[in-house]
Amino acid sequence: MSELQNQRVTVELLGKEQQFACPAGQEDALIASAKYLNDLVEQMKQRSTVRNDQKALLMAALNISHELLEAKTQQNVEQQQHDQLIDKLSAYLGKSSTK
């Protein structure tokens, strides 16, 4: 068998069990993601007047999207800083090897 088999994983979302296909070895990550989403939906319900599951789910999804975009932006900034340091180091090493 050259291809990995997907596993069926059951998680609870919004108080209901849902089944998802998941690559072998990623089951714990899927379960943790579902728990994170459930916790975030509950926080949205507690922090606001939203009591509707769908509206709380949309707010949680927007929150996660925001977190992801912030992390990507921070990663890009850090990558640029690393690239600049590598360029400086390369330039320094290039100068010192010609002496």
N, C-alpha and C. Protein backbone atom coordinates (compact mmCIF):
# COMPACT_ATOMS: atom_id res chain seq x y z
N MET A 1 0.84 -1.18 0.00
CA MET A 1 0.00 0.00 0.00
C MET A 1 0.88 1.24 0.00
N SER A 2 0.95 1.95 -1.08
CA SER A 2 1.84 3.09 -1.16
C SER A 2 1.19 4.38 -0.66
N GLU A 3 -0.13 4.45 -0.70
CA GLU A 3 -0.81 5.66 -0.25
C GLU A 3 -1.32 5.47 1.17
N LEU A 4 -1.28 6.54 1.95
CA LEU A 4 -1.80 6.49 3.31
C LEU A 4 -3.31 6.43 3.28
N GLN A 5 -3.87 5.65 4.15
CA GLN A 5 -5.32 5.55 4.26
C GLN A 5 -5.84 6.65 5.17
N ASN A 6 -6.99 7.20 4.81
CA ASN A 6 -7.64 8.16 5.69
C ASN A 6 -8.37 7.41 6.79
N GLN A 7 -8.34 7.99 7.96
CA GLN A 7 -9.03 7.42 9.11
C GLN A 7 -10.31 8.20 9.34
N ARG A 8 -11.35 7.54 9.82
CA ARG A 8 -12.59 8.21 10.20
C ARG A 8 -12.43 8.60 11.67
N VAL A 9 -12.61 9.90 11.93
CA VAL A 9 -12.48 10.40 13.29
C VAL A 9 -13.78 11.08 13.67
N THR A 10 -14.29 10.76 14.84
CA THR A 10 -15.51 11.37 15.35
C THR A 10 -15.13 12.44 16.37
N VAL A 11 -15.64 13.64 16.15
CA VAL A 11 -15.41 14.74 17.08
C VAL A 11 -16.76 15.35 17.42
N GLU A 12 -16.79 16.08 18.51
CA GLU A 12 -18.02 16.77 18.89
C GLU A 12 -17.87 18.25 18.55
N LEU A 13 -18.81 18.75 17.76
CA LEU A 13 -18.86 20.16 17.41
C LEU A 13 -20.25 20.68 17.70
N LEU A 14 -20.33 21.75 18.46
CA LEU A 14 -21.60 22.36 18.81
C LEU A 14 -22.57 21.35 19.43
N GLY A 15 -22.01 20.46 20.25
CA GLY A 15 -22.83 19.50 20.97
C GLY A 15 -23.29 18.31 20.14
N LYS A 16 -22.80 18.18 18.90
CA LYS A 16 -23.21 17.07 18.05
C LYS A 16 -21.97 16.34 17.55
N GLU A 17 -22.07 15.03 17.46
CA GLU A 17 -20.96 14.24 16.94
C GLU A 17 -20.91 14.36 15.43
N GLN A 18 -19.71 14.58 14.92
CA GLN A 18 -19.47 14.69 13.48
C GLN A 18 -18.32 13.77 13.13
N GLN A 19 -18.39 13.15 11.96
CA GLN A 19 -17.29 12.30 11.50
C GLN A 19 -16.57 12.98 10.35
N PHE A 20 -15.24 12.88 10.38
CA PHE A 20 -14.41 13.46 9.34
C PHE A 20 -13.35 12.46 8.91
N ALA A 21 -12.99 12.51 7.64
CA ALA A 21 -11.86 11.72 7.16
C ALA A 21 -10.59 12.48 7.52
N CYS A 22 -9.59 11.74 7.92
CA CYS A 22 -8.36 12.36 8.40
C CYS A 22 -7.19 11.47 8.02
N PRO A 23 -6.08 12.07 7.52
CA PRO A 23 -4.90 11.25 7.21
C PRO A 23 -4.40 10.53 8.46
N ALA A 24 -3.95 9.32 8.27
CA ALA A 24 -3.41 8.53 9.39
C ALA A 24 -2.31 9.32 10.09
N GLY A 25 -2.36 9.32 11.39
CA GLY A 25 -1.36 10.04 12.19
C GLY A 25 -1.77 11.46 12.54
N GLN A 26 -2.85 11.95 11.94
CA GLN A 26 -3.30 13.32 12.20
C GLN A 26 -4.56 13.38 13.07
N GLU A 27 -4.95 12.23 13.61
CA GLU A 27 -6.18 12.15 14.39
C GLU A 27 -6.15 13.08 15.61
N ASP A 28 -5.04 13.08 16.34
CA ASP A 28 -4.95 13.92 17.53
C ASP A 28 -5.03 15.40 17.18
N ALA A 29 -4.45 15.77 16.06
CA ALA A 29 -4.50 17.18 15.63
C ALA A 29 -5.94 17.58 15.29
N LEU A 30 -6.68 16.68 14.65
CA LEU A 30 -8.08 16.97 14.33
C LEU A 30 -8.91 17.11 15.60
N ILE A 31 -8.71 16.21 16.54
CA ILE A 31 -9.44 16.26 17.80
C ILE A 31 -9.11 17.55 18.56
N ALA A 32 -7.83 17.92 18.59
CA ALA A 32 -7.42 19.16 19.26
C ALA A 32 -8.02 20.38 18.56
N SER A 33 -8.08 20.35 17.23
CA SER A 33 -8.66 21.47 16.48
C SER A 33 -10.15 21.61 16.79
N ALA A 34 -10.85 20.49 16.87
CA ALA A 34 -12.28 20.54 17.20
C ALA A 34 -12.48 21.08 18.61
N LYS A 35 -11.63 20.67 19.54
CA LYS A 35 -11.74 21.18 20.91
C LYS A 35 -11.48 22.69 20.95
N TYR A 36 -10.46 23.13 20.21
CA TYR A 36 -10.15 24.56 20.15
C TYR A 36 -11.33 25.35 19.61
N LEU A 37 -11.93 24.84 18.54
CA LEU A 37 -13.08 25.51 17.94
C LEU A 37 -14.26 25.54 18.90
N ASN A 38 -14.55 24.43 19.55
CA ASN A 38 -15.64 24.39 20.53
C ASN A 38 -15.40 25.38 21.66
N ASP A 39 -14.18 25.41 22.17
CA ASP A 39 -13.85 26.35 23.26
C ASP A 39 -14.02 27.79 22.81
N LEU A 40 -13.60 28.08 21.59
CA LEU A 40 -13.72 29.44 21.07
C LEU A 40 -15.18 29.83 20.88
N VAL A 41 -16.00 28.91 20.38
CA VAL A 41 -17.43 29.18 20.22
C VAL A 41 -18.05 29.49 21.59
N GLU A 42 -17.69 28.73 22.59
CA GLU A 42 -18.22 28.98 23.94
C GLU A 42 -17.78 30.35 24.46
N GLN A 43 -16.52 30.72 24.19
CA GLN A 43 -16.04 32.05 24.60
C GLN A 43 -16.83 33.14 23.90
N MET A 44 -17.12 32.95 22.62
CA MET A 44 -17.89 33.94 21.87
C MET A 44 -19.28 34.10 22.48
N LYS A 45 -19.87 33.00 22.88
CA LYS A 45 -21.20 33.06 23.50
C LYS A 45 -21.16 33.78 24.84
N GLN A 46 -20.10 33.55 25.60
CA GLN A 46 -19.99 34.15 26.93
C GLN A 46 -19.62 35.63 26.86
N ARG A 47 -18.79 36.01 25.86
CA ARG A 47 -18.31 37.39 25.77
C ARG A 47 -19.29 38.32 25.09
N SER A 48 -20.29 37.79 24.41
CA SER A 48 -21.21 38.64 23.67
C SER A 48 -22.64 38.21 23.95
N THR A 49 -23.54 38.91 23.32
CA THR A 49 -24.95 38.58 23.49
C THR A 49 -25.39 37.50 22.52
N VAL A 50 -24.46 36.99 21.72
CA VAL A 50 -24.78 35.96 20.74
C VAL A 50 -25.05 34.64 21.46
N ARG A 51 -26.20 34.07 21.20
CA ARG A 51 -26.53 32.77 21.77
C ARG A 51 -26.77 31.74 20.67
N ASN A 52 -26.89 32.20 19.45
CA ASN A 52 -27.11 31.33 18.30
C ASN A 52 -25.81 30.62 17.95
N ASP A 53 -25.86 29.30 17.85
CA ASP A 53 -24.65 28.52 17.55
C ASP A 53 -24.00 28.92 16.24
N GLN A 54 -24.81 29.13 15.22
CA GLN A 54 -24.25 29.47 13.91
C GLN A 54 -23.53 30.82 13.95
N LYS A 55 -24.13 31.79 14.61
CA LYS A 55 -23.51 33.12 14.70
C LYS A 55 -22.21 33.04 15.52
N ALA A 56 -22.25 32.29 16.61
CA ALA A 56 -21.05 32.12 17.43
C ALA A 56 -19.97 31.38 16.65
N LEU A 57 -20.37 30.41 15.83
CA LEU A 57 -19.42 29.68 15.00
C LEU A 57 -18.78 30.61 13.97
N LEU A 58 -19.59 31.48 13.36
CA LEU A 58 -19.04 32.45 12.40
C LEU A 58 -18.06 33.40 13.08
N MET A 59 -18.40 33.85 14.28
CA MET A 59 -17.49 34.74 15.02
C MET A 59 -16.19 34.03 15.35
N ALA A 60 -16.29 32.76 15.75
CA ALA A 60 -15.10 31.98 16.06
C ALA A 60 -14.24 31.78 14.80
N ALA A 61 -14.89 31.51 13.67
CA ALA A 61 -14.16 31.33 12.42
C ALA A 61 -13.44 32.62 12.03
N LEU A 62 -14.09 33.75 12.19
CA LEU A 62 -13.44 35.03 11.90
C LEU A 62 -12.26 35.27 12.83
N ASN A 63 -12.43 34.91 14.09
CA ASN A 63 -11.35 35.06 15.07
C ASN A 63 -10.15 34.20 14.69
N ILE A 64 -10.40 32.95 14.29
CA ILE A 64 -9.33 32.05 13.88
C ILE A 64 -8.65 32.56 12.61
N SER A 65 -9.45 33.07 11.67
CA SER A 65 -8.88 33.64 10.44
C SER A 65 -7.97 34.82 10.76
N HIS A 66 -8.41 35.65 11.68
CA HIS A 66 -7.61 36.80 12.10
C HIS A 66 -6.29 36.33 12.73
N GLU A 67 -6.38 35.34 13.62
CA GLU A 67 -5.17 34.80 14.25
C GLU A 67 -4.20 34.26 13.19
N LEU A 68 -4.74 33.55 12.20
CA LEU A 68 -3.91 32.98 11.15
C LEU A 68 -3.22 34.07 10.33
N LEU A 69 -3.97 35.09 9.94
CA LEU A 69 -3.38 36.18 9.16
C LEU A 69 -2.32 36.93 9.96
N GLU A 70 -2.57 37.14 11.25
CA GLU A 70 -1.58 37.80 12.11
C GLU A 70 -0.31 36.95 12.20
N ALA A 71 -0.48 35.64 12.35
CA ALA A 71 0.68 34.75 12.44
C ALA A 71 1.47 34.74 11.14
N LYS A 72 0.77 34.75 10.01
CA LYS A 72 1.45 34.78 8.71
C LYS A 72 2.21 36.09 8.52
N THR A 73 1.59 37.19 8.93
CA THR A 73 2.26 38.48 8.83
C THR A 73 3.52 38.50 9.69
N GLN A 74 3.41 38.00 10.91
CA GLN A 74 4.56 37.95 11.81
C GLN A 74 5.64 37.05 11.25
N GLN A 75 5.25 35.94 10.66
CA GLN A 75 6.21 35.02 10.06
C GLN A 75 6.95 35.69 8.91
N ASN A 76 6.23 36.45 8.09
CA ASN A 76 6.87 37.16 6.98
C ASN A 76 7.86 38.20 7.48
N VAL A 77 7.51 38.92 8.54
CA VAL A 77 8.41 39.92 9.12
C VAL A 77 9.67 39.23 9.64
N GLU A 78 9.48 38.13 10.35
CA GLU A 78 10.63 37.40 10.88
C GLU A 78 11.50 36.83 9.77
N GLN A 79 10.88 36.35 8.70
CA GLN A 79 11.65 35.81 7.57
C GLN A 79 12.48 36.92 6.92
N GLN A 80 11.90 38.11 6.77
CA GLN A 80 12.64 39.24 6.20
C GLN A 80 13.82 39.60 7.09
N GLN A 81 13.61 39.59 8.41
CA GLN A 81 14.70 39.90 9.34
C GLN A 81 15.80 38.85 9.24
N HIS A 82 15.42 37.58 9.14
CA HIS A 82 16.41 36.51 9.00
C HIS A 82 17.19 36.66 7.69
N ASP A 83 16.46 36.97 6.62
CA ASP A 83 17.11 37.16 5.32
C ASP A 83 18.12 38.31 5.37
N GLN A 84 17.75 39.41 6.04
CA GLN A 84 18.66 40.54 6.17
C GLN A 84 19.90 40.17 6.96
N LEU A 85 19.72 39.41 8.04
CA LEU A 85 20.87 38.98 8.84
C LEU A 85 21.78 38.04 8.03
N ILE A 86 21.18 37.15 7.27
CA ILE A 86 21.97 36.25 6.43
C ILE A 86 22.75 37.03 5.38
N ASP A 87 22.09 38.03 4.77
CA ASP A 87 22.78 38.87 3.79
C ASP A 87 23.96 39.60 4.42
N LYS A 88 23.77 40.16 5.61
CA LYS A 88 24.85 40.87 6.30
C LYS A 88 25.99 39.92 6.63
N LEU A 89 25.64 38.73 7.12
CA LEU A 89 26.65 37.75 7.48
C LEU A 89 27.41 37.29 6.23
N SER A 90 26.69 37.06 5.16
CA SER A 90 27.33 36.65 3.90
C SER A 90 28.26 37.73 3.40
N ALA A 91 27.82 38.99 3.47
CA ALA A 91 28.66 40.09 3.01
C ALA A 91 29.91 40.20 3.89
N TYR A 92 29.75 40.03 5.19
CA TYR A 92 30.89 40.10 6.10
C TYR A 92 31.87 38.96 5.82
N LEU A 93 31.33 37.76 5.66
CA LEU A 93 32.20 36.59 5.40
C LEU A 93 32.87 36.73 4.04
N GLY A 94 32.18 37.31 3.07
CA GLY A 94 32.78 37.53 1.75
C GLY A 94 33.94 38.50 1.83
N LYS A 95 33.80 39.55 2.63
CA LYS A 95 34.88 40.54 2.78
C LYS A 95 36.07 39.92 3.52
N SER A 96 35.79 39.14 4.56
CA SER A 96 36.88 38.60 5.36
C SER A 96 37.65 37.50 4.61
N SER A 97 37.02 36.84 3.65
CA SER A 97 37.72 35.78 2.92
C SER A 97 38.61 36.35 1.81
N THR A 98 38.40 37.60 1.43
CA THR A 98 39.23 38.22 0.40
C THR A 98 40.45 38.91 0.99
N LYS A 99 40.53 38.98 2.28
CA LYS A 99 41.69 39.64 2.92
C LYS A 99 42.88 38.74 3.00
